[in-house]
C-alpha cells in the first residue's frame, strides 16, 4: 500500500509538472514517444538478430555445418537490426519527434 501511495504521489507530481493541462499533456506525449522509440530500437535489434540466428541454425542442420551459418545469420541479423534502429533514431531526431506538435 505504501508503494501505491508513492506511485500516486509521483503520478500527481509528474502530471502537474507543467503547470497547466496542455503542458502536462505535451510532457506525457514526449514520455510515451520516447518509451515507444526505445522499445522499437530494442525489439528491432533483438528480433532481427534472433531471426538471423534461427535461420542460421536451420541452415546448419540442413547442410551439416557446426555453427557456421548460425554465426553468419546472427551477424547479418544484428547488422539488419542496428540498421533499422539507426533509421528509426535518425527519423525521430530529424523530424523533431521530441519537439512541440
N, C-alpha and C. Protein backbone atom coordinates (compact mmCIF):
# COMPACT_ATOMS: atom_id res chain seq x y z
N UNK A 1 0.82 -1.18 0.00
CA UNK A 1 0.00 0.00 0.00
C UNK A 1 0.87 1.25 0.00
N UNK A 2 2.03 1.17 0.63
CA UNK A 2 2.91 2.32 0.68
C UNK A 2 3.46 2.64 -0.70
N UNK A 3 3.79 1.62 -1.50
CA UNK A 3 4.31 1.88 -2.84
C UNK A 3 3.24 2.46 -3.74
N UNK A 4 1.99 2.05 -3.56
CA UNK A 4 0.91 2.62 -4.35
C UNK A 4 0.75 4.10 -4.03
N UNK A 5 0.88 4.44 -2.75
CA UNK A 5 0.78 5.84 -2.35
C UNK A 5 1.91 6.66 -2.96
N UNK A 6 3.13 6.12 -2.93
CA UNK A 6 4.25 6.82 -3.54
C UNK A 6 4.03 6.95 -5.04
N UNK A 7 3.52 5.87 -5.66
CA UNK A 7 3.24 5.93 -7.10
C UNK A 7 2.20 6.97 -7.43
N UNK A 8 1.16 7.07 -6.61
CA UNK A 8 0.12 8.07 -6.85
C UNK A 8 0.69 9.48 -6.67
N UNK A 9 1.53 9.69 -5.67
CA UNK A 9 2.15 10.99 -5.46
C UNK A 9 3.06 11.34 -6.64
N UNK A 10 3.83 10.37 -7.11
CA UNK A 10 4.72 10.62 -8.23
C UNK A 10 3.91 10.95 -9.48
N UNK A 11 2.85 10.19 -9.72
CA UNK A 11 1.99 10.46 -10.87
C UNK A 11 1.40 11.87 -10.78
N UNK A 12 0.93 12.24 -9.61
CA UNK A 12 0.36 13.58 -9.43
C UNK A 12 1.41 14.65 -9.67
N UNK A 13 2.61 14.44 -9.14
CA UNK A 13 3.67 15.44 -9.30
C UNK A 13 4.09 15.57 -10.76
N UNK A 14 4.22 14.44 -11.45
CA UNK A 14 4.64 14.49 -12.86
C UNK A 14 3.53 15.09 -13.73
N UNK A 15 2.27 14.69 -13.48
CA UNK A 15 1.19 15.17 -14.33
C UNK A 15 0.94 16.67 -14.14
N UNK A 16 1.31 17.21 -12.99
CA UNK A 16 1.13 18.64 -12.75
C UNK A 16 2.44 19.42 -12.85
N UNK A 17 3.44 18.80 -13.44
CA UNK A 17 4.76 19.42 -13.54
C UNK A 17 4.73 20.66 -14.44
N UNK A 18 3.97 20.56 -15.54
CA UNK A 18 3.96 21.66 -16.49
C UNK A 18 3.15 22.86 -16.04
N UNK A 19 2.33 22.74 -15.06
CA UNK A 19 1.53 23.87 -14.61
C UNK A 19 0.11 23.79 -15.11
N UNK A 20 -0.08 23.89 -16.42
CA UNK A 20 -1.43 23.75 -16.94
C UNK A 20 -1.57 22.41 -17.66
N UNK A 21 -2.77 22.09 -18.04
CA UNK A 21 -3.06 20.78 -18.60
C UNK A 21 -2.39 20.57 -19.95
N UNK A 22 -2.28 21.61 -20.76
CA UNK A 22 -1.68 21.47 -22.09
C UNK A 22 -0.20 21.08 -21.98
N UNK A 23 0.52 21.71 -21.07
CA UNK A 23 1.93 21.37 -20.88
C UNK A 23 2.08 19.97 -20.32
N UNK A 24 1.20 19.57 -19.44
CA UNK A 24 1.23 18.21 -18.89
C UNK A 24 0.98 17.17 -19.97
N UNK A 25 0.02 17.46 -20.86
CA UNK A 25 -0.26 16.54 -21.97
C UNK A 25 0.93 16.45 -22.91
N UNK A 26 1.57 17.58 -23.19
CA UNK A 26 2.74 17.57 -24.06
C UNK A 26 3.87 16.76 -23.43
N UNK A 27 4.05 16.89 -22.12
CA UNK A 27 5.10 16.14 -21.45
C UNK A 27 4.81 14.64 -21.53
N UNK A 28 3.55 14.24 -21.32
CA UNK A 28 3.21 12.83 -21.40
C UNK A 28 3.39 12.30 -22.81
N UNK A 29 3.06 13.12 -23.81
CA UNK A 29 3.30 12.69 -25.19
C UNK A 29 4.78 12.47 -25.45
N UNK A 30 5.62 13.33 -24.92
CA UNK A 30 7.07 13.16 -25.09
C UNK A 30 7.57 11.90 -24.39
N UNK A 31 7.05 11.64 -23.19
CA UNK A 31 7.46 10.45 -22.45
C UNK A 31 7.04 9.18 -23.19
N UNK A 32 5.81 9.16 -23.66
CA UNK A 32 5.32 7.98 -24.37
C UNK A 32 6.06 7.81 -25.69
N UNK A 33 6.34 8.89 -26.38
CA UNK A 33 7.10 8.82 -27.63
C UNK A 33 8.50 8.26 -27.37
N UNK A 34 9.16 8.73 -26.32
CA UNK A 34 10.50 8.24 -26.00
C UNK A 34 10.47 6.77 -25.62
N UNK A 35 9.50 6.36 -24.83
CA UNK A 35 9.40 4.96 -24.44
C UNK A 35 9.10 4.06 -25.64
N UNK A 36 8.24 4.52 -26.53
CA UNK A 36 7.96 3.72 -27.72
C UNK A 36 9.17 3.63 -28.63
N UNK A 37 9.94 4.70 -28.71
CA UNK A 37 11.15 4.68 -29.54
C UNK A 37 12.17 3.71 -28.97
N UNK A 38 12.36 3.73 -27.66
CA UNK A 38 13.30 2.80 -27.03
C UNK A 38 12.85 1.36 -27.23
N UNK A 39 11.55 1.12 -27.12
CA UNK A 39 11.02 -0.23 -27.33
C UNK A 39 11.25 -0.68 -28.76
N UNK A 40 10.99 0.19 -29.72
CA UNK A 40 11.22 -0.15 -31.12
C UNK A 40 12.68 -0.44 -31.40
N UNK A 41 13.57 0.35 -30.82
CA UNK A 41 15.00 0.14 -31.04
C UNK A 41 15.43 -1.23 -30.53
N UNK A 42 15.01 -1.56 -29.32
CA UNK A 42 15.39 -2.85 -28.73
C UNK A 42 14.77 -4.03 -29.46
N UNK A 43 13.49 -3.92 -29.77
CA UNK A 43 12.83 -5.02 -30.45
C UNK A 43 13.35 -5.24 -31.86
N UNK A 44 13.60 -4.17 -32.58
CA UNK A 44 14.09 -4.35 -33.96
C UNK A 44 15.45 -5.05 -33.96
N UNK A 45 16.30 -4.70 -33.02
CA UNK A 45 17.61 -5.34 -32.95
C UNK A 45 17.49 -6.79 -32.49
N UNK A 46 16.73 -7.03 -31.43
CA UNK A 46 16.62 -8.39 -30.88
C UNK A 46 15.90 -9.34 -31.83
N UNK A 47 14.81 -8.90 -32.44
CA UNK A 47 14.06 -9.78 -33.33
C UNK A 47 14.88 -10.13 -34.58
N UNK A 48 15.54 -9.15 -35.16
CA UNK A 48 16.35 -9.43 -36.35
C UNK A 48 17.53 -10.33 -36.03
N UNK A 49 18.19 -10.11 -34.90
CA UNK A 49 19.31 -10.97 -34.51
C UNK A 49 18.82 -12.39 -34.24
N UNK A 50 17.70 -12.52 -33.54
CA UNK A 50 17.15 -13.84 -33.25
C UNK A 50 16.69 -14.57 -34.50
N UNK A 51 16.07 -13.86 -35.40
CA UNK A 51 15.62 -14.46 -36.64
C UNK A 51 16.80 -14.90 -37.50
N UNK A 52 17.83 -14.07 -37.58
CA UNK A 52 19.03 -14.44 -38.33
C UNK A 52 19.71 -15.67 -37.73
N UNK A 53 19.78 -15.72 -36.42
CA UNK A 53 20.39 -16.87 -35.75
C UNK A 53 19.57 -18.13 -35.97
N UNK A 54 18.24 -18.00 -35.88
CA UNK A 54 17.37 -19.15 -36.07
C UNK A 54 17.48 -19.70 -37.49
N UNK A 55 17.50 -18.83 -38.48
CA UNK A 55 17.67 -19.27 -39.87
C UNK A 55 19.04 -19.92 -40.04
N UNK A 56 20.06 -19.36 -39.38
CA UNK A 56 21.39 -19.96 -39.43
C UNK A 56 21.41 -21.35 -38.81
N UNK A 57 20.69 -21.54 -37.70
CA UNK A 57 20.60 -22.88 -37.09
C UNK A 57 19.93 -23.86 -38.04
N UNK A 58 18.88 -23.41 -38.69
CA UNK A 58 18.20 -24.28 -39.65
C UNK A 58 19.13 -24.66 -40.79
N UNK A 59 19.89 -23.69 -41.32
CA UNK A 59 20.85 -23.99 -42.39
C UNK A 59 21.97 -24.89 -41.90
N UNK A 60 22.43 -24.70 -40.67
CA UNK A 60 23.46 -25.58 -40.11
C UNK A 60 22.95 -27.02 -40.04
N UNK A 61 21.71 -27.20 -39.61
CA UNK A 61 21.15 -28.55 -39.51
C UNK A 61 20.95 -29.15 -40.90
N UNK A 62 20.58 -28.34 -41.84
CA UNK A 62 20.31 -28.83 -43.20
C UNK A 62 21.59 -29.21 -43.93
N UNK A 63 22.66 -28.43 -43.77
CA UNK A 63 23.90 -28.69 -44.50
C UNK A 63 24.98 -29.34 -43.66
N UNK A 64 24.70 -29.64 -42.42
CA UNK A 64 25.64 -30.36 -41.58
C UNK A 64 26.83 -29.52 -41.11
N UNK A 65 26.67 -28.25 -41.02
CA UNK A 65 27.73 -27.37 -40.52
C UNK A 65 27.59 -27.20 -39.02
N UNK A 66 28.68 -26.84 -38.37
CA UNK A 66 28.64 -26.64 -36.92
C UNK A 66 28.81 -25.16 -36.62
N UNK A 67 27.70 -24.44 -36.43
CA UNK A 67 27.66 -23.03 -36.03
C UNK A 67 28.16 -22.06 -37.11
N UNK A 68 28.44 -22.53 -38.31
CA UNK A 68 28.92 -21.63 -39.36
C UNK A 68 27.82 -20.67 -39.80
N UNK A 69 26.70 -21.24 -40.22
CA UNK A 69 25.59 -20.40 -40.68
C UNK A 69 24.92 -19.66 -39.53
N UNK A 70 24.96 -20.25 -38.34
CA UNK A 70 24.37 -19.59 -37.18
C UNK A 70 25.07 -18.27 -36.88
N UNK A 71 26.37 -18.28 -36.91
CA UNK A 71 27.12 -17.05 -36.64
C UNK A 71 26.94 -16.03 -37.76
N UNK A 72 26.92 -16.51 -39.00
CA UNK A 72 26.69 -15.59 -40.12
C UNK A 72 25.29 -14.99 -40.02
N UNK A 73 24.30 -15.82 -39.70
CA UNK A 73 22.93 -15.32 -39.55
C UNK A 73 22.81 -14.33 -38.41
N UNK A 74 23.51 -14.61 -37.30
CA UNK A 74 23.48 -13.70 -36.15
C UNK A 74 24.09 -12.35 -36.52
N UNK A 75 25.23 -12.39 -37.19
CA UNK A 75 25.88 -11.13 -37.58
C UNK A 75 25.02 -10.35 -38.57
N UNK A 76 24.47 -11.05 -39.57
CA UNK A 76 23.61 -10.36 -40.53
C UNK A 76 22.34 -9.82 -39.86
N UNK A 77 21.79 -10.58 -38.92
CA UNK A 77 20.61 -10.11 -38.19
C UNK A 77 20.93 -8.89 -37.34
N UNK A 78 22.09 -8.90 -36.68
CA UNK A 78 22.50 -7.73 -35.90
C UNK A 78 22.70 -6.51 -36.78
N UNK A 79 23.35 -6.71 -37.91
CA UNK A 79 23.55 -5.59 -38.84
C UNK A 79 22.22 -5.04 -39.32
N UNK A 80 21.30 -5.93 -39.67
CA UNK A 80 19.97 -5.51 -40.11
C UNK A 80 19.21 -4.79 -39.00
N UNK A 81 19.24 -5.34 -37.80
CA UNK A 81 18.54 -4.72 -36.68
C UNK A 81 19.11 -3.37 -36.30
N UNK A 82 20.42 -3.28 -36.29
CA UNK A 82 21.05 -2.00 -35.96
C UNK A 82 20.82 -0.96 -37.06
N UNK A 83 20.74 -1.42 -38.30
CA UNK A 83 20.43 -0.50 -39.40
C UNK A 83 19.01 0.06 -39.25
N UNK A 84 18.08 -0.80 -38.91
CA UNK A 84 16.70 -0.34 -38.69
C UNK A 84 16.64 0.60 -37.49
N UNK A 85 17.36 0.25 -36.42
CA UNK A 85 17.38 1.10 -35.23
C UNK A 85 17.97 2.47 -35.56
N UNK A 86 19.03 2.48 -36.36
CA UNK A 86 19.63 3.76 -36.76
C UNK A 86 18.65 4.59 -37.56
N UNK A 87 17.94 3.97 -38.49
CA UNK A 87 16.97 4.69 -39.29
C UNK A 87 15.84 5.25 -38.43
N UNK A 88 15.36 4.46 -37.47
CA UNK A 88 14.31 4.95 -36.57
C UNK A 88 14.78 6.14 -35.74
N UNK A 89 15.98 6.02 -35.19
CA UNK A 89 16.52 7.10 -34.38
C UNK A 89 16.79 8.35 -35.20
N UNK A 90 17.32 8.17 -36.38
CA UNK A 90 17.60 9.31 -37.26
C UNK A 90 16.31 10.02 -37.65
N UNK A 91 15.29 9.23 -37.98
CA UNK A 91 14.00 9.82 -38.35
C UNK A 91 13.40 10.58 -37.17
N UNK A 92 13.54 10.02 -35.97
CA UNK A 92 12.99 10.69 -34.79
C UNK A 92 13.71 11.99 -34.51
N UNK A 93 15.01 12.01 -34.70
CA UNK A 93 15.77 13.23 -34.42
C UNK A 93 15.63 14.27 -35.52
N UNK A 94 15.58 13.83 -36.78
CA UNK A 94 15.45 14.77 -37.90
C UNK A 94 14.05 15.37 -37.93
N UNK A 95 13.04 14.54 -37.70
CA UNK A 95 11.65 15.03 -37.74
C UNK A 95 11.29 15.82 -36.48
N UNK A 96 12.18 15.84 -35.51
CA UNK A 96 11.89 16.58 -34.28
C UNK A 96 10.81 15.92 -33.47
N UNK A 97 10.93 14.63 -33.24
CA UNK A 97 9.92 13.88 -32.52
C UNK A 97 9.72 14.36 -31.10
N UNK A 98 10.71 14.99 -30.53
CA UNK A 98 10.61 15.45 -29.16
C UNK A 98 10.21 16.91 -29.07
N UNK A 99 9.93 17.53 -30.20
CA UNK A 99 9.54 18.94 -30.20
C UNK A 99 8.04 19.06 -30.08
N UNK A 100 7.56 20.30 -29.97
CA UNK A 100 6.12 20.56 -29.90
C UNK A 100 5.49 20.20 -31.24
N UNK A 101 4.26 19.72 -31.16
CA UNK A 101 3.50 19.47 -32.37
C UNK A 101 3.68 18.14 -32.87
